[in-house]
Amino acid sequence: MISELITTLAQTRKAARITQADLAERAGLSRMAVQRTETGDVDPRFSTLQEMARVLGMELIAVPAVLHGQVQALIQSASNAQTPAESPVDPPASPATEKR
């Protein structure tokens, strides 16, 4: 289950076009901590995952196992209804990095 969380965090970071170094800086972590977490080289602290999630506009929650399927369905339906422009982790466009 922890590997699914780490995969989700890494995918969210990449989709938002945030580098490991940027995520680390915003979360108050070292770049190596982010890299080693994403590659599975360490068993990360909860606080590390929590800070990474916070920067990515996510929140870690504990869900009772009996409700897991219902929560997943709710998240999926909300994700399908959300447009890309509503994504909380979209970085602001920088004129220097925009493609023409």
PDB file of N, CA and C in Angstrom:
ATOM      1  N   MET A   1       0.819  -1.189   0.000  1.00  0.00           N
ATOM      2  CA  MET A   1       0.000   0.000   0.000  1.00  0.00           C
ATOM      3  C   MET A   1       0.867   1.259   0.000  1.00  0.00           C
ATOM      4  N   ILE A   2       1.972   1.255   0.720  1.00  0.00           N
ATOM      5  CA  ILE A   2       2.852   2.424   0.745  1.00  0.00           C
ATOM      6  C   ILE A   2       3.461   2.666  -0.622  1.00  0.00           C
ATOM      7  N   SER A   3       3.745   1.591  -1.361  1.00  0.00           N
ATOM      8  CA  SER A   3       4.323   1.772  -2.695  1.00  0.00           C
ATOM      9  C   SER A   3       3.318   2.430  -3.639  1.00  0.00           C
ATOM     10  N   GLU A   4       2.016   2.126  -3.474  1.00  0.00           N
ATOM     11  CA  GLU A   4       0.988   2.787  -4.284  1.00  0.00           C
ATOM     12  C   GLU A   4       0.958   4.284  -3.987  1.00  0.00           C
ATOM     13  N   LEU A   5       1.082   4.639  -2.720  1.00  0.00           N
ATOM     14  CA  LEU A   5       1.089   6.048  -2.321  1.00  0.00           C
ATOM     15  C   LEU A   5       2.288   6.759  -2.930  1.00  0.00           C
ATOM     16  N   ILE A   6       3.449   6.145  -2.838  1.00  0.00           N
ATOM     17  CA  ILE A   6       4.660   6.762  -3.384  1.00  0.00           C
ATOM     18  C   ILE A   6       4.549   6.893  -4.896  1.00  0.00           C
ATOM     19  N   THR A   7       4.004   5.883  -5.559  1.00  0.00           N
ATOM     20  CA  THR A   7       3.809   5.952  -7.012  1.00  0.00           C
ATOM     21  C   THR A   7       2.870   7.099  -7.364  1.00  0.00           C
ATOM     22  N   THR A   8       1.795   7.246  -6.610  1.00  0.00           N
ATOM     23  CA  THR A   8       0.839   8.330  -6.851  1.00  0.00           C
ATOM     24  C   THR A   8       1.500   9.692  -6.656  1.00  0.00           C
ATOM     25  N   LEU A   9       2.295   9.830  -5.619  1.00  0.00           N
ATOM     26  CA  LEU A   9       2.990  11.101  -5.385  1.00  0.00           C
ATOM     27  C   LEU A   9       3.950  11.415  -6.534  1.00  0.00           C
ATOM     28  N   ALA A  10       4.709  10.421  -6.975  1.00  0.00           N
ATOM     29  CA  ALA A  10       5.660  10.629  -8.069  1.00  0.00           C
ATOM     30  C   ALA A  10       4.933  10.973  -9.368  1.00  0.00           C
ATOM     31  N   GLN A  11       3.841  10.265  -9.657  1.00  0.00           N
ATOM     32  CA  GLN A  11       3.079  10.554 -10.874  1.00  0.00           C
ATOM     33  C   GLN A  11       2.472  11.951 -10.829  1.00  0.00           C
ATOM     34  N   THR A  12       1.976  12.342  -9.682  1.00  0.00           N
ATOM     35  CA  THR A  12       1.396  13.681  -9.524  1.00  0.00           C
ATOM     36  C   THR A  12       2.460  14.747  -9.709  1.00  0.00           C
ATOM     37  N   ARG A  13       3.643  14.515  -9.145  1.00  0.00           N
ATOM     38  CA  ARG A  13       4.743  15.472  -9.303  1.00  0.00           C
ATOM     39  C   ARG A  13       5.112  15.619 -10.769  1.00  0.00           C
ATOM     40  N   LYS A  14       5.230  14.511 -11.468  1.00  0.00           N
ATOM     41  CA  LYS A  14       5.604  14.549 -12.881  1.00  0.00           C
ATOM     42  C   LYS A  14       4.520  15.202 -13.722  1.00  0.00           C
ATOM     43  N   ALA A  15       3.261  14.907 -13.445  1.00  0.00           N
ATOM     44  CA  ALA A  15       2.156  15.504 -14.196  1.00  0.00           C
ATOM     45  C   ALA A  15       2.112  17.020 -14.009  1.00  0.00           C
ATOM     46  N   ALA A  16       2.537  17.465 -12.838  1.00  0.00           N
ATOM     47  CA  ALA A  16       2.568  18.902 -12.558  1.00  0.00           C
ATOM     48  C   ALA A  16       3.849  19.560 -13.063  1.00  0.00           C
ATOM     49  N   ARG A  17       4.726  18.745 -13.648  1.00  0.00           N
ATOM     50  CA  ARG A  17       6.016  19.226 -14.164  1.00  0.00           C
ATOM     51  C   ARG A  17       6.848  19.912 -13.078  1.00  0.00           C
ATOM     52  N   ILE A  18       6.867  19.265 -11.923  1.00  0.00           N
ATOM     53  CA  ILE A  18       7.667  19.737 -10.801  1.00  0.00           C
ATOM     54  C   ILE A  18       8.855  18.789 -10.672  1.00  0.00           C
ATOM     55  N   THR A  19      10.047  19.325 -10.608  1.00  0.00           N
ATOM     56  CA  THR A  19      11.232  18.478 -10.459  1.00  0.00           C
ATOM     57  C   THR A  19      11.334  17.978  -9.019  1.00  0.00           C
ATOM     58  N   GLN A  20      12.123  16.938  -8.847  1.00  0.00           N
ATOM     59  CA  GLN A  20      12.372  16.448  -7.499  1.00  0.00           C
ATOM     60  C   GLN A  20      12.998  17.544  -6.646  1.00  0.00           C
ATOM     61  N   ALA A  21      13.891  18.323  -7.227  1.00  0.00           N
ATOM     62  CA  ALA A  21      14.543  19.399  -6.486  1.00  0.00           C
ATOM     63  C   ALA A  21      13.533  20.470  -6.063  1.00  0.00           C
ATOM     64  N   ASP A  22      12.616  20.830  -6.963  1.00  0.00           N
ATOM     65  CA  ASP A  22      11.594  21.827  -6.615  1.00  0.00           C
ATOM     66  C   ASP A  22      10.672  21.307  -5.518  1.00  0.00           C
ATOM     67  N   LEU A  23      10.251  20.056  -5.646  1.00  0.00           N
ATOM     68  CA  LEU A  23       9.399  19.462  -4.627  1.00  0.00           C
ATOM     69  C   LEU A  23      10.112  19.457  -3.281  1.00  0.00           C
ATOM     70  N   ALA A  24      11.362  19.057  -3.300  1.00  0.00           N
ATOM     71  CA  ALA A  24      12.148  19.007  -2.071  1.00  0.00           C
ATOM     72  C   ALA A  24      12.239  20.385  -1.415  1.00  0.00           C
ATOM     73  N   GLU A  25      12.535  21.393  -2.217  1.00  0.00           N
ATOM     74  CA  GLU A  25      12.672  22.747  -1.677  1.00  0.00           C
ATOM     75  C   GLU A  25      11.359  23.228  -1.058  1.00  0.00           C
ATOM     76  N   ARG A  26      10.265  23.026  -1.774  1.00  0.00           N
ATOM     77  CA  ARG A  26       8.949  23.470  -1.287  1.00  0.00           C
ATOM     78  C   ARG A  26       8.498  22.706  -0.049  1.00  0.00           C
ATOM     79  N   ALA A  27       8.943  21.456   0.068  1.00  0.00           N
ATOM     80  CA  ALA A  27       8.536  20.609   1.191  1.00  0.00           C
ATOM     81  C   ALA A  27       9.514  20.674   2.363  1.00  0.00           C
ATOM     82  N   GLY A  28      10.631  21.372   2.191  1.00  0.00           N
ATOM     83  CA  GLY A  28      11.627  21.444   3.251  1.00  0.00           C
ATOM     84  C   GLY A  28      12.402  20.149   3.419  1.00  0.00           C
ATOM     85  N   LEU A  29      12.594  19.447   2.299  1.00  0.00           N
ATOM     86  CA  LEU A  29      13.317  18.183   2.293  1.00  0.00           C
ATOM     87  C   LEU A  29      14.554  18.307   1.419  1.00  0.00           C
ATOM     88  N   SER A  30      15.434  17.335   1.506  1.00  0.00           N
ATOM     89  CA  SER A  30      16.562  17.303   0.572  1.00  0.00           C
ATOM     90  C   SER A  30      16.105  16.652  -0.728  1.00  0.00           C
ATOM     91  N   ARG A  31      16.770  16.975  -1.816  1.00  0.00           N
ATOM     92  CA  ARG A  31      16.447  16.344  -3.090  1.00  0.00           C
ATOM     93  C   ARG A  31      16.665  14.840  -2.999  1.00  0.00           C
ATOM     94  N   MET A  32      17.704  14.433  -2.275  1.00  0.00           N
ATOM     95  CA  MET A  32      17.985  13.006  -2.116  1.00  0.00           C
ATOM     96  C   MET A  32      16.860  12.301  -1.363  1.00  0.00           C
ATOM     97  N   ALA A  33      16.241  12.984  -0.402  1.00  0.00           N
ATOM     98  CA  ALA A  33      15.126  12.374   0.332  1.00  0.00           C
ATOM     99  C   ALA A  33      13.963  12.094  -0.613  1.00  0.00           C
ATOM    100  N   VAL A  34      13.675  13.045  -1.496  1.00  0.00           N
ATOM    101  CA  VAL A  34      12.599  12.858  -2.468  1.00  0.00           C
ATOM    102  C   VAL A  34      12.970  11.747  -3.439  1.00  0.00           C
ATOM    103  N   GLN A  35      14.183  11.793  -3.970  1.00  0.00           N
ATOM    104  CA  GLN A  35      14.617  10.781  -4.929  1.00  0.00           C
ATOM    105  C   GLN A  35      14.580   9.390  -4.312  1.00  0.00           C
ATOM    106  N   ARG A  36      15.128   9.228  -3.120  1.00  0.00           N
ATOM    107  CA  ARG A  36      15.189   7.915  -2.479  1.00  0.00           C
ATOM    108  C   ARG A  36      13.796   7.419  -2.091  1.00  0.00           C
ATOM    109  N   THR A  37      12.900   8.347  -1.764  1.00  0.00           N
ATOM    110  CA  THR A  37      11.519   7.962  -1.473  1.00  0.00           C
ATOM    111  C   THR A  37      10.855   7.436  -2.729  1.00  0.00           C
ATOM    112  N   GLU A  38      10.988   8.181  -3.836  1.00  0.00           N
ATOM    113  CA  GLU A  38      10.340   7.783  -5.089  1.00  0.00           C
ATOM    114  C   GLU A  38      10.893   6.479  -5.656  1.00  0.00           C
ATOM    115  N   THR A  39      12.154   6.205  -5.441  1.00  0.00           N
ATOM    116  CA  THR A  39      12.747   4.981  -5.979  1.00  0.00           C
ATOM    117  C   THR A  39      12.581   3.791  -5.037  1.00  0.00           C
ATOM    118  N   GLY A  40      12.070   4.044  -3.837  1.00  0.00           N
ATOM    119  CA  GLY A  40      11.867   2.962  -2.886  1.00  0.00           C
ATOM    120  C   GLY A  40      13.119   2.546  -2.152  1.00  0.00           C
ATOM    121  N   ASP A  41      14.151   3.384  -2.190  1.00  0.00           N
ATOM    122  CA  ASP A  41      15.401   3.057  -1.514  1.00  0.00           C
ATOM    123  C   ASP A  41      15.317   3.207   0.000  1.00  0.00           C
ATOM    124  N   VAL A  42      14.302   3.930   0.482  1.00  0.00           N
ATOM    125  CA  VAL A  42      14.127   4.125   1.921  1.00  0.00           C
ATOM    126  C   VAL A  42      12.678   3.852   2.294  1.00  0.00           C
ATOM    127  N   ASP A  43      12.476   3.612   3.554  1.00  0.00           N
ATOM    128  CA  ASP A  43      11.130   3.517   4.113  1.00  0.00           C
ATOM    129  C   ASP A  43      10.862   4.907   4.705  1.00  0.00           C
ATOM    130  N   PRO A  44      10.121   5.747   3.971  1.00  0.00           N
ATOM    131  CA  PRO A  44      10.015   7.147   4.380  1.00  0.00           C
ATOM    132  C   PRO A  44       9.173   7.336   5.636  1.00  0.00           C
ATOM    133  N   ARG A  45       9.483   8.394   6.347  1.00  0.00           N
ATOM    134  CA  ARG A  45       8.671   8.795   7.488  1.00  0.00           C
ATOM    135  C   ARG A  45       7.334   9.303   6.978  1.00  0.00           C
ATOM    136  N   PHE A  46       6.331   9.187   7.828  1.00  0.00           N
ATOM    137  CA  PHE A  46       5.018   9.719   7.495  1.00  0.00           C
ATOM    138  C   PHE A  46       5.118  11.214   7.219  1.00  0.00           C
ATOM    139  N   SER A  47       5.912  11.928   8.007  1.00  0.00           N
ATOM    140  CA  SER A  47       6.033  13.384   7.838  1.00  0.00           C
ATOM    141  C   SER A  47       6.621  13.737   6.470  1.00  0.00           C
ATOM    142  N   THR A  48       7.506  12.909   5.945  1.00  0.00           N
ATOM    143  CA  THR A  48       8.068  13.144   4.617  1.00  0.00           C
ATOM    144  C   THR A  48       6.990  13.015   3.554  1.00  0.00           C
ATOM    145  N   LEU A  49       6.209  11.955   3.637  1.00  0.00           N
ATOM    146  CA  LEU A  49       5.121  11.749   2.675  1.00  0.00           C
ATOM    147  C   LEU A  49       4.069  12.848   2.804  1.00  0.00           C
ATOM    148  N   GLN A  50       3.800  13.254   4.028  1.00  0.00           N
ATOM    149  CA  GLN A  50       2.805  14.290   4.278  1.00  0.00           C
ATOM    150  C   GLN A  50       3.238  15.619   3.650  1.00  0.00           C
ATOM    151  N   GLU A  51       4.490  15.980   3.784  1.00  0.00           N
ATOM    152  CA  GLU A  51       4.981  17.235   3.200  1.00  0.00           C
ATOM    153  C   GLU A  51       5.000  17.170   1.680  1.00  0.00           C
ATOM    154  N   MET A  52       5.386  16.035   1.130  1.00  0.00           N
ATOM    155  CA  MET A  52       5.359  15.882  -0.321  1.00  0.00           C
ATOM    156  C   MET A  52       3.922  16.037  -0.820  1.00  0.00           C
ATOM    157  N   ALA A  53       2.991  15.385  -0.152  1.00  0.00           N
ATOM    158  CA  ALA A  53       1.584  15.465  -0.542  1.00  0.00           C
ATOM    159  C   ALA A  53       1.071  16.898  -0.437  1.00  0.00           C
ATOM    160  N   ARG A  54       1.416  17.589   0.632  1.00  0.00           N
ATOM    161  CA  ARG A  54       0.965  18.966   0.827  1.00  0.00           C
ATOM    162  C   ARG A  54       1.382  19.852  -0.341  1.00  0.00           C
ATOM    163  N   VAL A  55       2.635  19.742  -0.740  1.00  0.00           N
ATOM    164  CA  VAL A  55       3.151  20.549  -1.846  1.00  0.00           C
ATOM    165  C   VAL A  55       2.410  20.230  -3.142  1.00  0.00           C
ATOM    166  N   LEU A  56       2.014  18.986  -3.298  1.00  0.00           N
ATOM    167  CA  LEU A  56       1.327  18.554  -4.514  1.00  0.00           C
ATOM    168  C   LEU A  56      -0.188  18.772  -4.452  1.00  0.00           C
ATOM    169  N   GLY A  57      -0.648  19.462  -3.409  1.00  0.00           N
ATOM    170  CA  GLY A  57      -2.068  19.756  -3.290  1.00  0.00           C
ATOM    171  C   GLY A  57      -2.882  18.556  -2.875  1.00  0.00           C
ATOM    172  N   MET A  58      -2.249  17.635  -2.160  1.00  0.00           N
ATOM    173  CA  MET A  58      -2.914  16.406  -1.730  1.00  0.00           C
ATOM    174  C   MET A  58      -2.912  16.351  -0.206  1.00  0.00           C
ATOM    175  N   GLU A  59      -3.746  15.484   0.323  1.00  0.00           N
ATOM    176  CA  GLU A  59      -3.806  15.272   1.763  1.00  0.00           C
ATOM    177  C   GLU A  59      -3.828  13.779   2.030  1.00  0.00           C
ATOM    178  N   LEU A  60      -3.032  13.338   2.984  1.00  0.00           N
ATOM    179  CA  LEU A  60      -3.013  11.928   3.359  1.00  0.00           C
ATOM    180  C   LEU A  60      -4.093  11.696   4.408  1.00  0.00           C
ATOM    181  N   ILE A  61      -4.899  10.672   4.184  1.00  0.00           N
ATOM    182  CA  ILE A  61      -5.945  10.337   5.144  1.00  0.00           C
ATOM    183  C   ILE A  61      -5.959   8.836   5.379  1.00  0.00           C
ATOM    184  N   ALA A  62      -6.422   8.442   6.555  1.00  0.00           N
ATOM    185  CA  ALA A  62      -6.600   7.028   6.867  1.00  0.00           C
ATOM    186  C   ALA A  62      -8.060   6.689   6.623  1.00  0.00           C
ATOM    187  N   VAL A  63      -8.294   5.623   5.879  1.00  0.00           N
ATOM    188  CA  VAL A  63      -9.644   5.199   5.536  1.00  0.00           C
ATOM    189  C   VAL A  63      -9.859   3.798   6.092  1.00  0.00           C
ATOM    190  N   PRO A  64     -10.964   3.586   6.819  1.00  0.00           N
ATOM    191  CA  PRO A  64     -11.245   2.223   7.285  1.00  0.00           C
ATOM    192  C   PRO A  64     -11.312   1.264   6.094  1.00  0.00           C
ATOM    193  N   ALA A  65     -10.747   0.097   6.250  1.00  0.00           N
ATOM    194  CA  ALA A  65     -10.672  -0.876   5.155  1.00  0.00           C
ATOM    195  C   ALA A  65     -12.041  -1.187   4.561  1.00  0.00           C
ATOM    196  N   VAL A  66     -13.067  -1.226   5.390  1.00  0.00           N
ATOM    197  CA  VAL A  66     -14.405  -1.556   4.879  1.00  0.00           C
ATOM    198  C   VAL A  66     -14.967  -0.459   3.979  1.00  0.00           C
ATOM    199  N   LEU A  67     -14.420   0.739   4.063  1.00  0.00           N
ATOM    200  CA  LEU A  67     -14.898   1.850   3.234  1.00  0.00           C
ATOM    201  C   LEU A  67     -13.992   2.144   2.046  1.00  0.00           C
ATOM    202  N   HIS A  68     -12.919   1.400   1.915  1.00  0.00           N
ATOM    203  CA  HIS A  68     -11.927   1.686   0.877  1.00  0.00           C
ATOM    204  C   HIS A  68     -12.537   1.733  -0.523  1.00  0.00           C
ATOM    205  N   GLY A  69     -13.337   0.758  -0.882  1.00  0.00           N
ATOM    206  CA  GLY A  69     -13.950   0.725  -2.214  1.00  0.00           C
ATOM    207  C   GLY A  69     -14.847   1.923  -2.466  1.00  0.00           C
ATOM    208  N   GLN A  70     -15.623   2.318  -1.476  1.00  0.00           N
ATOM    209  CA  GLN A  70     -16.514   3.469  -1.629  1.00  0.00           C
ATOM    210  C   GLN A  70     -15.724   4.766  -1.782  1.00  0.00           C
ATOM    211  N   VAL A  71     -14.666   4.898  -1.013  1.00  0.00           N
ATOM    212  CA  VAL A  71     -13.831   6.104  -1.104  1.00  0.00           C
ATOM    213  C   VAL A  71     -13.136   6.161  -2.464  1.00  0.00           C
ATOM    214  N   GLN A  72     -12.630   5.029  -2.938  1.00  0.00           N
ATOM    215  CA  GLN A  72     -11.999   4.976  -4.253  1.00  0.00           C
ATOM    216  C   GLN A  72     -12.983   5.381  -5.344  1.00  0.00           C
ATOM    217  N   ALA A  73     -14.215   4.900  -5.260  1.00  0.00           N
ATOM    218  CA  ALA A  73     -15.237   5.248  -6.249  1.00  0.00           C
ATOM    219  C   ALA A  73     -15.541   6.744  -6.204  1.00  0.00           C
ATOM    220  N   LEU A  74     -15.615   7.296  -5.015  1.00  0.00           N
ATOM    221  CA  LEU A  74     -15.873   8.727  -4.873  1.00  0.00           C
ATOM    222  C   LEU A  74     -14.732   9.556  -5.466  1.00  0.00           C
ATOM    223  N   ILE A  75     -13.516   9.143  -5.181  1.00  0.00           N
ATOM    224  CA  ILE A  75     -12.348   9.852  -5.724  1.00  0.00           C
ATOM    225  C   ILE A  75     -12.332   9.766  -7.244  1.00  0.00           C
ATOM    226  N   GLN A  76     -12.607   8.589  -7.777  1.00  0.00           N
ATOM    227  CA  GLN A  76     -12.618   8.405  -9.234  1.00  0.00           C
ATOM    228  C   GLN A  76     -13.679   9.277  -9.888  1.00  0.00           C
ATOM    229  N   SER A  77     -14.878   9.319  -9.305  1.00  0.00           N
ATOM    230  CA  SER A  77     -15.939  10.138  -9.906  1.00  0.00           C
ATOM    231  C   SER A  77     -15.594  11.618  -9.827  1.00  0.00           C
ATOM    232  N   ALA A  78     -14.956  12.043  -8.749  1.00  0.00           N
ATOM    233  CA  ALA A  78     -14.548  13.441  -8.625  1.00  0.00           C
ATOM    234  C   ALA A  78     -13.426  13.758  -9.612  1.00  0.00           C
ATOM    235  N   SER A  79     -12.514  12.825  -9.811  1.00  0.00           N
ATOM    236  CA  SER A  79     -11.419  13.033 -10.765  1.00  0.00           C
ATOM    237  C   SER A  79     -11.935  13.147 -12.186  1.00  0.00           C
ATOM    238  N   ASN A  80     -12.924  12.338 -12.517  1.00  0.00           N
ATOM    239  CA  ASN A  80     -13.504  12.388 -13.856  1.00  0.00           C
ATOM    240  C   ASN A  80     -14.239  13.694 -14.105  1.00  0.00           C
ATOM    241  N   ALA A  81     -14.793  14.295 -13.063  1.00  0.00           N
ATOM    242  CA  ALA A  81     -15.547  15.543 -13.202  1.00  0.00           C
ATOM    243  C   ALA A  81     -14.646  16.765 -13.230  1.00  0.00           C
ATOM    244  N   GLN A  82     -13.408  16.636 -12.756  1.00  0.00           N
ATOM    245  CA  GLN A  82     -12.482  17.760 -12.664  1.00  0.00           C
ATOM    246  C   GLN A  82     -11.781  17.989 -13.991  1.00  0.00           C
ATOM    247  N   THR A  83     -11.742  19.238 -14.439  1.00  0.00           N
ATOM    248  CA  THR A  83     -11.038  19.571 -15.670  1.00  0.00           C
ATOM    249  C   THR A  83      -9.579  19.858 -15.343  1.00  0.00           C
ATOM    250  N   PRO A  84      -8.683  19.740 -16.318  1.00  0.00           N
ATOM    251  CA  PRO A  84      -7.259  19.998 -16.056  1.00  0.00           C
ATOM    252  C   PRO A  84      -6.986  21.391 -15.496  1.00  0.00           C
ATOM    253  N   ALA A  85      -7.760  22.383 -15.896  1.00  0.00           N
ATOM    254  CA  ALA A  85      -7.540  23.742 -15.412  1.00  0.00           C
ATOM    255  C   ALA A  85      -7.842  23.875 -13.924  1.00  0.00           C
ATOM    256  N   GLU A  86      -8.608  22.929 -13.358  1.00  0.00           N
ATOM    257  CA  GLU A  86      -8.958  22.976 -11.950  1.00  0.00           C
ATOM    258  C   GLU A  86      -7.931  22.291 -11.067  1.00  0.00           C
ATOM    259  N   SER A  87      -6.944  21.661 -11.668  1.00  0.00           N
ATOM    260  CA  SER A  87      -5.956  20.913 -10.909  1.00  0.00           C
ATOM    261  C   SER A  87      -5.178  21.842  -9.985  1.00  0.00           C
ATOM    262  N   PRO A  88      -5.084  21.522  -8.675  1.00  0.00           N
ATOM    263  CA  PRO A  88      -4.403  22.403  -7.731  1.00  0.00           C
ATOM    264  C   PRO A  88      -2.890  22.393  -7.843  1.00  0.00           C
ATOM    265  N   VAL A  89      -2.304  21.454  -8.589  1.00  0.00           N
ATOM    266  CA  VAL A  89      -0.850  21.390  -8.655  1.00  0.00           C
ATOM    267  C   VAL A  89      -0.281  21.933  -9.963  1.00  0.00           C
ATOM    268  N   ASP A  90      -1.124  22.494 -10.828  1.00  0.00           N
ATOM    269  CA  ASP A  90      -0.605  23.051 -12.065  1.00  0.00           C
ATOM    270  C   ASP A  90       0.297  24.242 -11.744  1.00  0.00           C
ATOM    271  N   PRO A  91       1.579  24.182 -12.124  1.00  0.00           N
ATOM    272  CA  PRO A  91       2.457  25.303 -11.847  1.00  0.00           C
ATOM    273  C   PRO A  91       2.108  26.468 -12.754  1.00  0.00           C
ATOM    274  N   PRO A  92       2.327  27.699 -12.264  1.00  0.00           N
ATOM    275  CA  PRO A  92       2.051  28.843 -13.125  1.00  0.00           C
ATOM    276  C   PRO A  92       2.968  28.837 -14.339  1.00  0.00           C
ATOM    277  N   ALA A  93       2.441  29.261 -15.466  1.00  0.00           N
ATOM    278  CA  ALA A  93       3.237  29.300 -16.691  1.00  0.00           C
ATOM    279  C   ALA A  93       4.298  30.391 -16.566  1.00  0.00           C
ATOM    280  N   SER A  94       5.469  30.072 -17.011  1.00  0.00           N
ATOM    281  CA  SER A  94       6.558  31.025 -17.018  1.00  0.00           C
ATOM    282  C   SER A  94       6.839  31.431 -18.455  1.00  0.00           C
ATOM    283  N   PRO A  95       6.865  32.738 -18.774  1.00  0.00           N
ATOM    284  CA  PRO A  95       7.098  33.144 -20.150  1.00  0.00           C
ATOM    285  C   PRO A  95       8.393  32.586 -20.721  1.00  0.00           C
ATOM    286  N   ALA A  96       9.374  32.353 -19.883  1.00  0.00           N
ATOM    287  CA  ALA A  96      10.659  31.856 -20.369  1.00  0.00           C
ATOM    288  C   ALA A  96      10.592  30.375 -20.755  1.00  0.00           C
ATOM    289  N   THR A  97       9.603  29.655 -20.202  1.00  0.00           N
ATOM    290  CA  THR A  97       9.553  28.219 -20.472  1.00  0.00           C
ATOM    291  C   THR A  97       8.399  27.809 -21.374  1.00  0.00           C
ATOM    292  N   GLU A  98       7.563  28.751 -21.771  1.00  0.00           N
ATOM    293  CA  GLU A  98       6.447  28.412 -22.651  1.00  0.00           C
ATOM    294  C   GLU A  98       6.952  28.081 -24.032  1.00  0.00           C
ATOM    295  N   LYS A  99       6.350  27.062 -24.649  1.00  0.00           N
ATOM    296  CA  LYS A  99       6.681  26.702 -26.028  1.00  0.00           C
ATOM    297  C   LYS A  99       5.836  27.538 -26.954  1.00  0.00           C
ATOM    298  N   ARG A 100       6.397  27.913 -28.066  1.00  0.00           N
ATOM    299  CA  ARG A 100       5.659  28.727 -29.029  1.00  0.00           C
ATOM    300  C   ARG A 100       5.348  27.943 -30.249  1.00  0.00           C
TER     301      ARG A 100
END
